[in-house]
Every structure is written in C-alpha cells, then in structure tokens.
Protein backbone atom coordinates (compact mmCIF):
# COMPACT_ATOMS: atom_id res chain seq x y z
CA MET A 1 9.78 -3.30 26.61
CA ASN A 2 6.09 -4.09 26.64
CA ASP A 3 4.86 -5.92 23.54
CA ASP A 4 1.76 -3.68 23.39
CA ASN A 5 3.88 -0.52 23.18
CA ASN A 6 5.95 -2.00 20.39
CA ASN A 7 2.85 -2.96 18.42
CA ASN A 8 1.24 0.42 18.98
CA ASP A 9 4.34 2.10 17.58
CA LEU A 10 4.18 -0.08 14.49
CA SER A 11 0.60 0.97 13.75
CA HIS A 12 1.59 4.60 14.12
CA HIS A 13 4.21 4.06 11.40
CA ILE A 14 2.08 1.97 9.05
CA LEU A 15 -0.86 4.38 8.96
CA PRO A 16 0.85 7.50 7.56
CA ASN A 17 3.09 5.52 5.24
CA SER A 18 0.16 3.57 3.78
CA ALA A 19 -1.73 6.79 3.19
CA THR A 20 1.32 8.28 1.50
CA MET A 21 1.65 5.25 -0.75
CA VAL A 22 -2.00 5.60 -1.80
CA GLY A 23 -1.13 9.15 -2.86
CA VAL A 24 1.93 7.95 -4.76
CA CYS A 25 -0.16 5.38 -6.63
CA VAL A 26 -2.78 7.98 -7.53
CA MET A 27 -0.10 10.41 -8.71
CA VAL A 28 1.56 7.83 -10.95
CA ILE A 29 -1.83 6.76 -12.33
CA SER A 30 -2.56 10.39 -13.25
CA ILE A 31 0.83 10.69 -14.97
CA VAL A 32 0.24 7.47 -16.91
CA LYS A 33 -3.24 8.67 -17.94
CA SER A 34 -1.68 11.81 -19.45
CA MET A 35 0.55 9.70 -21.71
CA PRO A 36 -0.57 8.23 -25.06
CA ALA A 37 -2.82 5.22 -24.53
CA ASP A 38 -1.33 1.80 -25.17
CA THR A 39 -1.46 -1.66 -23.65
CA VAL A 40 1.43 -1.08 -21.25
CA ASN A 41 -0.13 2.08 -19.84
CA TYR A 42 -3.42 0.23 -19.46
CA PHE A 43 -1.76 -2.45 -17.33
CA ILE A 44 0.27 0.07 -15.33
CA ASP A 45 -2.76 2.05 -14.19
CA LYS A 46 -4.81 -1.07 -13.40
CA ALA A 47 -1.97 -2.64 -11.41
CA LEU A 48 -1.36 0.58 -9.48
CA ALA A 49 -5.08 0.96 -8.79
CA ILE A 50 -5.09 -2.49 -7.19
CA ASP A 51 -1.92 -1.59 -5.31
CA SER A 52 -3.53 1.58 -3.96
CA VAL A 53 -6.42 -0.53 -2.65
CA LEU A 54 -3.90 -2.73 -0.81
CA PHE A 55 -2.34 0.33 0.82
CA MET A 56 -5.79 1.68 1.72
CA ILE A 57 -6.74 -1.60 3.40
CA SER A 58 -3.43 -1.54 5.27
CA ALA A 59 -4.12 2.00 6.46
CA LEU A 60 -7.62 1.03 7.54
CA PHE A 61 -6.42 -1.98 9.54
CA SER A 62 -3.67 0.13 11.10
CA PHE A 63 -6.18 2.81 12.08
CA LEU A 64 -8.53 0.24 13.58
CA SER A 65 -5.70 -1.35 15.54
CA ILE A 66 -4.95 2.04 17.10
CA ARG A 67 -8.59 2.80 17.88
CA LEU A 68 -9.80 -0.61 19.07
CA ASP A 69 -8.44 -2.26 22.19
CA TYR A 70 -9.75 -5.69 21.33
CA SER A 71 -8.09 -7.54 18.44
CA ALA A 72 -5.57 -4.70 18.02
CA LEU A 73 -2.64 -7.08 17.65
CA ARG A 74 -4.41 -9.15 14.98
CA LEU A 75 -5.44 -6.03 13.01
CA GLU A 76 -1.92 -4.66 13.23
CA ARG A 77 -0.43 -7.88 11.91
CA TRP A 78 -2.83 -7.81 8.96
CA ALA A 79 -1.94 -4.15 8.34
CA GLU A 80 1.75 -5.06 8.32
CA ILE A 81 1.29 -8.04 5.99
CA ILE A 82 -0.84 -6.09 3.52
CA PHE A 83 1.56 -3.12 3.63
CA ILE A 84 4.51 -5.37 2.77
CA LEU A 85 2.44 -7.02 0.03
CA GLY A 86 1.69 -3.56 -1.39
CA LEU A 87 5.38 -2.60 -1.33
CA VAL A 88 6.42 -5.84 -3.02
CA SER A 89 3.74 -5.48 -5.68
CA MET A 90 4.70 -1.85 -6.34
CA THR A 91 8.33 -2.88 -6.74
CA MET A 92 7.37 -5.68 -9.11
CA ILE A 93 5.22 -3.27 -11.14
CA ALA A 94 8.16 -0.86 -11.39
CA VAL A 95 10.60 -3.56 -12.48
CA ILE A 96 8.25 -5.18 -14.98
CA PHE A 97 7.32 -1.95 -16.69
CA SER A 98 10.74 -0.28 -16.44
CA PHE A 99 12.38 -3.13 -18.28
CA GLU A 100 9.35 -3.45 -20.56
CA ILE A 101 8.90 -7.11 -19.70
CA VAL A 102 5.21 -6.83 -20.55
C-alpha cells in the first residue's frame, strides 16, 4: 500500500470527526449555559470552548492536508496529534466534572 494513500485516508477521517466534535462541544456548552450558574459550570464551558478550538484546528489542518500537495504529510500529522489531544482533554473534562473533582 502506498504511504500517500494511507495518509490521505486518515485526513478524510479526521476532518468530519473533528467537525462533529466541535458540534458536540458547542451542544454541551449550550446545555451547561442553561443550568444554574456556579463555579463548576463556569469551568466546564471554558474547558469545552478550548477543546472545541482544538478540534477546529485539527479539522483545518486535515482540510489543508487534503487540499495542498506540498506539506500534506506534516499537516496531517499535526491534525492527528491535535485531534488526539482534543479527545484526551474531552475525556479528562468528563471525568473531572462527572466525579466532581473540581
């Protein structure tokens, strides 16, 4: 299998999933905003806002790696790293606030 085909497939998976995760973050932020205001809700919406920016950057890098022939591999690697970082941070946010650690 050609390495370029494998990388191109990865970008085609990262792009829609990153965009979906931005939507998930926005949806949860809107749910949190409808709840009574307290310190925990304040931190939840700020953390998810930052997380949505990570997913947006991942989607952007993935899109650029599909569209640009030069530096496509480098952009795709950054998209993958930032996507994983976004997933890990979203999981940590869920665990921290579900168990009311903060």
